[in-house]
Amino acid sequence: MASGYCLKCRKQVEVKDAAEQVLKSGRKALVGACPQCGTKIVKFIKS
């Protein structure tokens, strides 16, 4: 699974329901949720 930084929990967590998306700017990102608090997590990935 992918990991990301949760801004609400202030720690590195495993991203729940991670999906790859292409943003309006053309960059790829991994979008999911924090398993503990449910906050949206976005992590940029290589193209």
N, C-alpha and C. Protein backbone atom coordinates (compact mmCIF):
# COMPACT_ATOMS: atom_id res chain seq x y z
N MET A 1 0.83 -1.19 0.00
CA MET A 1 0.00 0.00 0.00
C MET A 1 0.88 1.26 0.00
N ALA A 2 0.27 2.35 -0.35
CA ALA A 2 0.99 3.62 -0.40
C ALA A 2 0.89 4.33 0.95
N SER A 3 1.91 5.09 1.25
CA SER A 3 1.88 5.85 2.49
C SER A 3 1.88 7.34 2.16
N GLY A 4 1.34 8.13 3.06
CA GLY A 4 1.30 9.57 2.89
C GLY A 4 1.27 10.24 4.25
N TYR A 5 1.41 11.56 4.26
CA TYR A 5 1.44 12.31 5.50
C TYR A 5 0.07 12.92 5.77
N CYS A 6 -0.51 12.60 6.91
CA CYS A 6 -1.80 13.15 7.31
C CYS A 6 -1.55 14.46 8.05
N LEU A 7 -2.12 15.55 7.56
CA LEU A 7 -1.91 16.85 8.18
C LEU A 7 -2.67 17.00 9.49
N LYS A 8 -3.77 16.28 9.63
CA LYS A 8 -4.55 16.37 10.87
C LYS A 8 -3.92 15.54 11.99
N CYS A 9 -3.48 14.32 11.67
CA CYS A 9 -2.85 13.44 12.67
C CYS A 9 -1.38 13.80 12.88
N ARG A 10 -0.79 14.49 11.92
CA ARG A 10 0.62 14.88 11.94
C ARG A 10 1.57 13.68 12.01
N LYS A 11 1.28 12.68 11.17
CA LYS A 11 2.17 11.53 11.09
C LYS A 11 2.00 10.80 9.76
N GLN A 12 2.95 9.94 9.45
CA GLN A 12 2.94 9.15 8.23
C GLN A 12 1.98 7.98 8.42
N VAL A 13 1.04 7.79 7.49
CA VAL A 13 0.04 6.72 7.59
C VAL A 13 -0.09 6.00 6.26
N GLU A 14 -0.65 4.80 6.28
CA GLU A 14 -0.98 4.08 5.06
C GLU A 14 -2.28 4.67 4.51
N VAL A 15 -2.30 5.01 3.23
CA VAL A 15 -3.46 5.64 2.62
C VAL A 15 -4.53 4.59 2.34
N LYS A 16 -5.76 4.86 2.78
CA LYS A 16 -6.89 3.96 2.59
C LYS A 16 -7.62 4.32 1.30
N ASP A 17 -8.02 3.34 0.52
CA ASP A 17 -8.74 3.54 -0.75
C ASP A 17 -7.96 4.44 -1.70
N ALA A 18 -6.68 4.17 -1.86
CA ALA A 18 -5.81 4.99 -2.72
C ALA A 18 -6.16 4.77 -4.18
N ALA A 19 -6.22 5.88 -4.94
CA ALA A 19 -6.49 5.83 -6.37
C ALA A 19 -5.61 6.85 -7.07
N GLU A 20 -5.11 6.48 -8.25
CA GLU A 20 -4.27 7.40 -9.01
C GLU A 20 -5.15 8.30 -9.86
N GLN A 21 -4.89 9.61 -9.81
CA GLN A 21 -5.66 10.58 -10.59
C GLN A 21 -4.72 11.53 -11.30
N VAL A 22 -5.19 12.11 -12.40
CA VAL A 22 -4.46 13.16 -13.10
C VAL A 22 -5.16 14.47 -12.77
N LEU A 23 -4.42 15.41 -12.18
CA LEU A 23 -4.99 16.69 -11.77
C LEU A 23 -5.12 17.63 -12.97
N LYS A 24 -5.81 18.76 -12.77
CA LYS A 24 -6.00 19.73 -13.84
C LYS A 24 -4.68 20.25 -14.39
N SER A 25 -3.67 20.31 -13.55
CA SER A 25 -2.35 20.80 -13.97
C SER A 25 -1.60 19.77 -14.80
N GLY A 26 -2.11 18.53 -14.88
CA GLY A 26 -1.45 17.48 -15.64
C GLY A 26 -0.58 16.57 -14.81
N ARG A 27 -0.41 16.88 -13.53
CA ARG A 27 0.41 16.05 -12.65
C ARG A 27 -0.39 14.85 -12.15
N LYS A 28 0.30 13.74 -11.93
CA LYS A 28 -0.34 12.56 -11.37
C LYS A 28 -0.27 12.63 -9.85
N ALA A 29 -1.32 12.16 -9.20
CA ALA A 29 -1.36 12.18 -7.75
C ALA A 29 -2.07 10.93 -7.24
N LEU A 30 -1.69 10.52 -6.05
CA LEU A 30 -2.34 9.43 -5.35
C LEU A 30 -3.30 10.05 -4.35
N VAL A 31 -4.58 9.74 -4.46
CA VAL A 31 -5.60 10.36 -3.62
C VAL A 31 -6.29 9.27 -2.81
N GLY A 32 -6.42 9.52 -1.50
CA GLY A 32 -7.06 8.56 -0.62
C GLY A 32 -7.46 9.23 0.68
N ALA A 33 -7.63 8.42 1.71
CA ALA A 33 -8.07 8.93 3.00
C ALA A 33 -7.21 8.34 4.12
N CYS A 34 -7.13 9.09 5.21
CA CYS A 34 -6.43 8.62 6.40
C CYS A 34 -7.32 7.57 7.08
N PRO A 35 -6.77 6.41 7.44
CA PRO A 35 -7.59 5.37 8.06
C PRO A 35 -8.05 5.72 9.48
N GLN A 36 -7.39 6.67 10.14
CA GLN A 36 -7.75 6.99 11.52
C GLN A 36 -8.76 8.12 11.62
N CYS A 37 -8.55 9.21 10.85
CA CYS A 37 -9.44 10.37 10.99
C CYS A 37 -10.29 10.63 9.75
N GLY A 38 -9.96 10.00 8.61
CA GLY A 38 -10.76 10.16 7.40
C GLY A 38 -10.42 11.38 6.56
N THR A 39 -9.39 12.12 6.93
CA THR A 39 -8.98 13.30 6.19
C THR A 39 -8.43 12.90 4.82
N LYS A 40 -8.72 13.70 3.80
CA LYS A 40 -8.25 13.43 2.45
C LYS A 40 -6.73 13.63 2.38
N ILE A 41 -6.05 12.66 1.75
CA ILE A 41 -4.60 12.72 1.60
C ILE A 41 -4.28 12.72 0.11
N VAL A 42 -3.45 13.67 -0.33
CA VAL A 42 -3.02 13.76 -1.72
C VAL A 42 -1.50 13.73 -1.73
N LYS A 43 -0.94 12.80 -2.53
CA LYS A 43 0.51 12.68 -2.63
C LYS A 43 0.87 12.66 -4.11
N PHE A 44 1.73 13.58 -4.52
CA PHE A 44 2.17 13.63 -5.92
C PHE A 44 3.09 12.46 -6.21
N ILE A 45 2.95 11.87 -7.41
CA ILE A 45 3.77 10.75 -7.81
C ILE A 45 4.43 11.06 -9.15
N LYS A 46 5.44 10.29 -9.51
CA LYS A 46 6.12 10.49 -10.79
C LYS A 46 5.21 10.12 -11.95
N SER A 47 5.40 10.79 -13.06
CA SER A 47 4.57 10.55 -14.24
C SER A 47 4.90 9.25 -14.92
